[in-house]
C-alpha atoms as a PDB file:
ATOM      1  CA  UNK A   1       0.252   0.044   0.046  1.00  0.00           C
ATOM      2  CA  UNK A   2       1.051   3.433  -0.747  1.00  0.00           C
ATOM      3  CA  UNK A   3       1.653   5.687   2.190  1.00  0.00           C
ATOM      4  CA  UNK A   4       1.605   9.246   2.740  1.00  0.00           C
ATOM      5  CA  UNK A   5       3.272  11.650   5.333  1.00  0.00           C
ATOM      6  CA  UNK A   6       1.008  13.786   7.357  1.00  0.00           C
ATOM      7  CA  UNK A   7       1.798  16.425   9.607  1.00  0.00           C
ATOM      8  CA  UNK A   8       1.828  16.023  13.058  1.00  0.00           C
ATOM      9  CA  UNK A   9      -1.517  16.691  14.636  1.00  0.00           C
ATOM     10  CA  UNK A  10      -3.325  16.049  17.938  1.00  0.00           C
ATOM     11  CA  UNK A  11      -4.433  12.946  16.860  1.00  0.00           C
ATOM     12  CA  UNK A  12      -1.357  11.825  15.408  1.00  0.00           C
ATOM     13  CA  UNK A  13       1.434  13.743  17.301  1.00  0.00           C
ATOM     14  CA  UNK A  14       4.556  11.122  16.090  1.00  0.00           C
ATOM     15  CA  UNK A  15       3.458  12.403  12.503  1.00  0.00           C
ATOM     16  CA  UNK A  16       3.368   8.940  11.393  1.00  0.00           C
ATOM     17  CA  UNK A  17       2.378   7.691   7.816  1.00  0.00           C
ATOM     18  CA  UNK A  18      -1.383   7.033   6.773  1.00  0.00           C
ATOM     19  CA  UNK A  19      -1.875   4.481   4.451  1.00  0.00           C
ATOM     20  CA  UNK A  20      -4.036   5.103   0.966  1.00  0.00           C
ATOM     21  CA  UNK A  21      -6.965   4.702   3.064  1.00  0.00           C
ATOM     22  CA  UNK A  22      -6.046   7.134   5.336  1.00  0.00           C
ATOM     23  CA  UNK A  23      -5.226   4.837   8.259  1.00  0.00           C
ATOM     24  CA  UNK A  24      -2.115   4.584  10.243  1.00  0.00           C
ATOM     25  CA  UNK A  25      -0.542   2.223  12.601  1.00  0.00           C
ATOM     26  CA  UNK A  26      -0.279   2.726  16.482  1.00  0.00           C
ATOM     27  CA  UNK A  27       2.253   4.752  17.724  1.00  0.00           C
ATOM     28  CA  UNK A  28       3.613   2.262  20.403  1.00  0.00           C
ATOM     29  CA  UNK A  29       3.749  -1.386  19.795  1.00  0.00           C
ATOM     30  CA  UNK A  30       1.431  -3.458  21.737  1.00  0.00           C
ATOM     31  CA  UNK A  31       4.012  -5.381  23.267  1.00  0.00           C
ATOM     32  CA  UNK A  32       6.021  -2.532  24.267  1.00  0.00           C
ATOM     33  CA  UNK A  33       4.253  -3.345  27.812  1.00  0.00           C
ATOM     34  CA  UNK A  34       6.578  -1.486  29.989  1.00  0.00           C
ATOM     35  CA  UNK A  35       8.631   0.755  27.894  1.00  0.00           C
ATOM     36  CA  UNK A  36       8.429   3.835  29.386  1.00  0.00           C
ATOM     37  CA  UNK A  37       6.091   4.018  32.095  1.00  0.00           C
ATOM     38  CA  UNK A  38       6.250   1.459  34.505  1.00  0.00           C
ATOM     39  CA  UNK A  39       3.325   2.635  36.619  1.00  0.00           C
ATOM     40  CA  UNK A  40       1.010   2.102  33.613  1.00  0.00           C
ATOM     41  CA  UNK A  41       2.476  -1.179  33.341  1.00  0.00           C
ATOM     42  CA  UNK A  42       1.865  -2.490  36.911  1.00  0.00           C
ATOM     43  CA  UNK A  43      -1.496  -0.831  37.093  1.00  0.00           C
ATOM     44  CA  UNK A  44      -2.539  -2.474  33.708  1.00  0.00           C
ATOM     45  CA  UNK A  45      -1.252  -6.016  35.074  1.00  0.00           C
ATOM     46  CA  UNK A  46      -2.754  -5.933  38.486  1.00  0.00           C
ATOM     47  CA  UNK A  47      -5.814  -3.432  38.532  1.00  0.00           C
ATOM     48  CA  UNK A  48      -6.667  -3.359  34.549  1.00  0.00           C
ATOM     49  CA  UNK A  49     -10.296  -2.335  35.870  1.00  0.00           C
ATOM     50  CA  UNK A  50      -8.514   1.248  36.799  1.00  0.00           C
ATOM     51  CA  UNK A  51      -6.642   1.535  33.510  1.00  0.00           C
ATOM     52  CA  UNK A  52      -9.861   0.580  31.212  1.00  0.00           C
ATOM     53  CA  UNK A  53     -11.899   3.161  33.530  1.00  0.00           C
ATOM     54  CA  UNK A  54      -9.347   6.100  33.055  1.00  0.00           C
ATOM     55  CA  UNK A  55      -8.992   5.343  29.290  1.00  0.00           C
ATOM     56  CA  UNK A  56     -12.726   5.384  28.588  1.00  0.00           C
ATOM     57  CA  UNK A  57     -12.902   8.613  30.491  1.00  0.00           C
ATOM     58  CA  UNK A  58     -10.393  10.255  28.878  1.00  0.00           C
ATOM     59  CA  UNK A  59     -11.010   9.461  25.222  1.00  0.00           C
ATOM     60  CA  UNK A  60     -14.779  10.360  26.110  1.00  0.00           C
ATOM     61  CA  UNK A  61     -13.740  13.685  27.297  1.00  0.00           C
ATOM     62  CA  UNK A  62     -11.415  14.114  24.199  1.00  0.00           C
ATOM     63  CA  UNK A  63     -14.665  13.351  22.135  1.00  0.00           C
ATOM     64  CA  UNK A  64     -17.144  15.251  23.925  1.00  0.00           C
ATOM     65  CA  UNK A  65     -15.331  18.173  24.821  1.00  0.00           C
ATOM     66  CA  UNK A  66     -12.222  18.515  22.438  1.00  0.00           C
ATOM     67  CA  UNK A  67      -9.917  18.849  25.148  1.00  0.00           C
ATOM     68  CA  UNK A  68      -7.877  17.416  28.028  1.00  0.00           C
ATOM     69  CA  UNK A  69      -9.975  15.673  31.301  1.00  0.00           C
ATOM     70  CA  UNK A  70      -8.774  17.764  34.064  1.00  0.00           C
ATOM     71  CA  UNK A  71      -6.717  15.911  36.640  1.00  0.00           C
ATOM     72  CA  UNK A  72      -9.278  16.721  39.376  1.00  0.00           C
ATOM     73  CA  UNK A  73     -11.789  14.753  37.443  1.00  0.00           C
ATOM     74  CA  UNK A  74      -9.806  11.501  36.716  1.00  0.00           C
ATOM     75  CA  UNK A  75     -11.074   9.249  39.419  1.00  0.00           C
ATOM     76  CA  UNK A  76      -9.703   5.577  39.434  1.00  0.00           C
ATOM     77  CA  UNK A  77     -12.662   4.102  40.938  1.00  0.00           C
ATOM     78  CA  UNK A  78     -15.372   5.172  39.000  1.00  0.00           C
ATOM     79  CA  UNK A  79     -18.712   2.946  38.141  1.00  0.00           C
ATOM     80  CA  UNK A  80     -16.598   1.645  34.643  1.00  0.00           C
ATOM     81  CA  UNK A  81     -14.239   0.641  37.033  1.00  0.00           C
ATOM     82  CA  UNK A  82     -15.985  -1.104  39.354  1.00  0.00           C
ATOM     83  CA  UNK A  83     -18.175  -2.723  36.318  1.00  0.00           C
ATOM     84  CA  UNK A  84     -14.800  -3.973  35.046  1.00  0.00           C
ATOM     85  CA  UNK A  85     -13.605  -5.318  38.295  1.00  0.00           C
ATOM     86  CA  UNK A  86     -16.799  -7.101  39.253  1.00  0.00           C
ATOM     87  CA  UNK A  87     -16.961  -8.658  35.432  1.00  0.00           C
ATOM     88  CA  UNK A  88     -13.555  -9.866  35.451  1.00  0.00           C
ATOM     89  CA  UNK A  89     -13.807 -11.243  38.958  1.00  0.00           C
ATOM     90  CA  UNK A  90     -17.406 -13.229  38.515  1.00  0.00           C
ATOM     91  CA  UNK A  91     -16.561 -14.274  34.777  1.00  0.00           C
ATOM     92  CA  UNK A  92     -13.164 -15.172  34.991  1.00  0.00           C
ATOM     93  CA  UNK A  93     -11.489 -12.286  33.142  1.00  0.00           C
ATOM     94  CA  UNK A  94     -13.930 -12.986  30.068  1.00  0.00           C
ATOM     95  CA  UNK A  95     -15.880  -9.986  31.567  1.00  0.00           C
ATOM     96  CA  UNK A  96     -13.285  -7.359  31.407  1.00  0.00           C
ATOM     97  CA  UNK A  97     -12.269  -8.101  27.844  1.00  0.00           C
ATOM     98  CA  UNK A  98     -16.045  -7.593  26.735  1.00  0.00           C
ATOM     99  CA  UNK A  99     -16.066  -4.109  27.970  1.00  0.00           C
ATOM    100  CA  UNK A 100     -12.171  -3.331  26.784  1.00  0.00           C
ATOM    101  CA  UNK A 101     -12.817  -4.149  23.137  1.00  0.00           C
ATOM    102  CA  UNK A 102     -15.531  -1.333  22.220  1.00  0.00           C
ATOM    103  CA  UNK A 103     -13.248   1.185  24.074  1.00  0.00           C
ATOM    104  CA  UNK A 104     -10.365   0.211  22.021  1.00  0.00           C
ATOM    105  CA  UNK A 105     -12.105   0.272  18.922  1.00  0.00           C
ATOM    106  CA  UNK A 106     -13.375   3.617  19.874  1.00  0.00           C
ATOM    107  CA  UNK A 107      -9.769   4.895  20.306  1.00  0.00           C
ATOM    108  CA  UNK A 108      -8.849   3.143  17.087  1.00  0.00           C
ATOM    109  CA  UNK A 109     -11.485   4.899  15.420  1.00  0.00           C
ATOM    110  CA  UNK A 110     -10.343   8.427  16.959  1.00  0.00           C
ATOM    111  CA  UNK A 111      -6.921   8.193  16.092  1.00  0.00           C
ATOM    112  CA  UNK A 112      -7.598   6.263  12.455  1.00  0.00           C
ATOM    113  CA  UNK A 113      -5.651   3.333  13.374  1.00  0.00           C
ATOM    114  CA  UNK A 114      -5.643   0.528  10.464  1.00  0.00           C
ATOM    115  CA  UNK A 115      -7.508  -2.594  11.704  1.00  0.00           C
ATOM    116  CA  UNK A 116     -10.802  -4.044  12.462  1.00  0.00           C
ATOM    117  CA  UNK A 117     -13.142  -5.383  15.583  1.00  0.00           C
ATOM    118  CA  UNK A 118     -11.442  -8.658  14.970  1.00  0.00           C
ATOM    119  CA  UNK A 119      -8.103  -6.936  15.373  1.00  0.00           C
ATOM    120  CA  UNK A 120      -9.346  -5.355  18.829  1.00  0.00           C
ATOM    121  CA  UNK A 121     -10.855  -9.200  20.110  1.00  0.00           C
ATOM    122  CA  UNK A 122      -7.124 -10.659  19.182  1.00  0.00           C
ATOM    123  CA  UNK A 123      -5.460  -7.702  20.783  1.00  0.00           C
ATOM    124  CA  UNK A 124      -7.654  -7.894  24.405  1.00  0.00           C
ATOM    125  CA  UNK A 125      -8.393 -11.923  24.234  1.00  0.00           C
ATOM    126  CA  UNK A 126      -5.682 -13.411  22.267  1.00  0.00           C
ATOM    127  CA  UNK A 127      -2.447 -11.485  23.121  1.00  0.00           C
ATOM    128  CA  UNK A 128      -2.786  -9.723  26.320  1.00  0.00           C
ATOM    129  CA  UNK A 129      -5.468  -7.390  27.797  1.00  0.00           C
ATOM    130  CA  UNK A 130      -3.052  -5.447  30.113  1.00  0.00           C
ATOM    131  CA  UNK A 131      -0.491  -4.640  26.986  1.00  0.00           C
ATOM    132  CA  UNK A 132      -3.783  -3.689  24.859  1.00  0.00           C
ATOM    133  CA  UNK A 133      -4.722  -1.298  27.826  1.00  0.00           C
ATOM    134  CA  UNK A 134      -1.132   0.203  28.330  1.00  0.00           C
ATOM    135  CA  UNK A 135      -0.818   0.554  24.191  1.00  0.00           C
ATOM    136  CA  UNK A 136      -4.316   2.724  24.633  1.00  0.00           C
ATOM    137  CA  UNK A 137      -3.189   4.833  27.337  1.00  0.00           C
ATOM    138  CA  UNK A 138      -0.059   5.624  25.437  1.00  0.00           C
ATOM    139  CA  UNK A 139      -2.279   6.628  22.282  1.00  0.00           C
ATOM    140  CA  UNK A 140      -4.374   8.707  24.533  1.00  0.00           C
ATOM    141  CA  UNK A 141      -1.181  10.344  26.555  1.00  0.00           C
ATOM    142  CA  UNK A 142       0.357  11.125  23.147  1.00  0.00           C
ATOM    143  CA  UNK A 143      -2.653  13.380  22.105  1.00  0.00           C
ATOM    144  CA  UNK A 144      -2.984  15.190  25.725  1.00  0.00           C
ATOM    145  CA  UNK A 145       0.355  15.709  25.744  1.00  0.00           C
ATOM    146  CA  UNK A 146       0.182  17.430  22.229  1.00  0.00           C
ATOM    147  CA  UNK A 147      -2.500  19.465  23.064  1.00  0.00           C
ATOM    148  CA  UNK A 148      -0.827  20.607  26.373  1.00  0.00           C
ATOM    149  CA  UNK A 149       2.268  21.679  24.395  1.00  0.00           C
ATOM    150  CA  UNK A 150      -0.045  23.748  22.209  1.00  0.00           C
ATOM    151  CA  UNK A 151      -1.643  25.614  25.061  1.00  0.00           C
ATOM    152  CA  UNK A 152       1.899  26.299  26.429  1.00  0.00           C
ATOM    153  CA  UNK A 153       1.216  24.654  29.870  1.00  0.00           C
END
């Protein structure tokens, strides 16, 4: 496929090339689990419900308000966290995956990342759910960091 280079934007802060369909790859590899943020790595591994809820709240805020979720609104034990945690405990990890897939799809669509629902299922269910959560978190953090730098904060 032919690729074209695009300038850096909020939804593509690394300036990754887009393919002929206007889609790009993830900014970081799925297996780059603990490459730069040990805290996210540990949280995704031991408390995936917290990372899931945080990712969901942050991307929803970006979608709805076109801005960065303020720190004081970043509660880690939200309703989404409890639902994910309870489903994970009572279904042997399957319930958490069910919630993670639509959020991953939403993130992939927001950033025009190549792939489809089957790719999302494989990343979450077959590969490593904590790795997928950490990858999603890094993608969101890249946009938030870009927006903060543009505002001069």
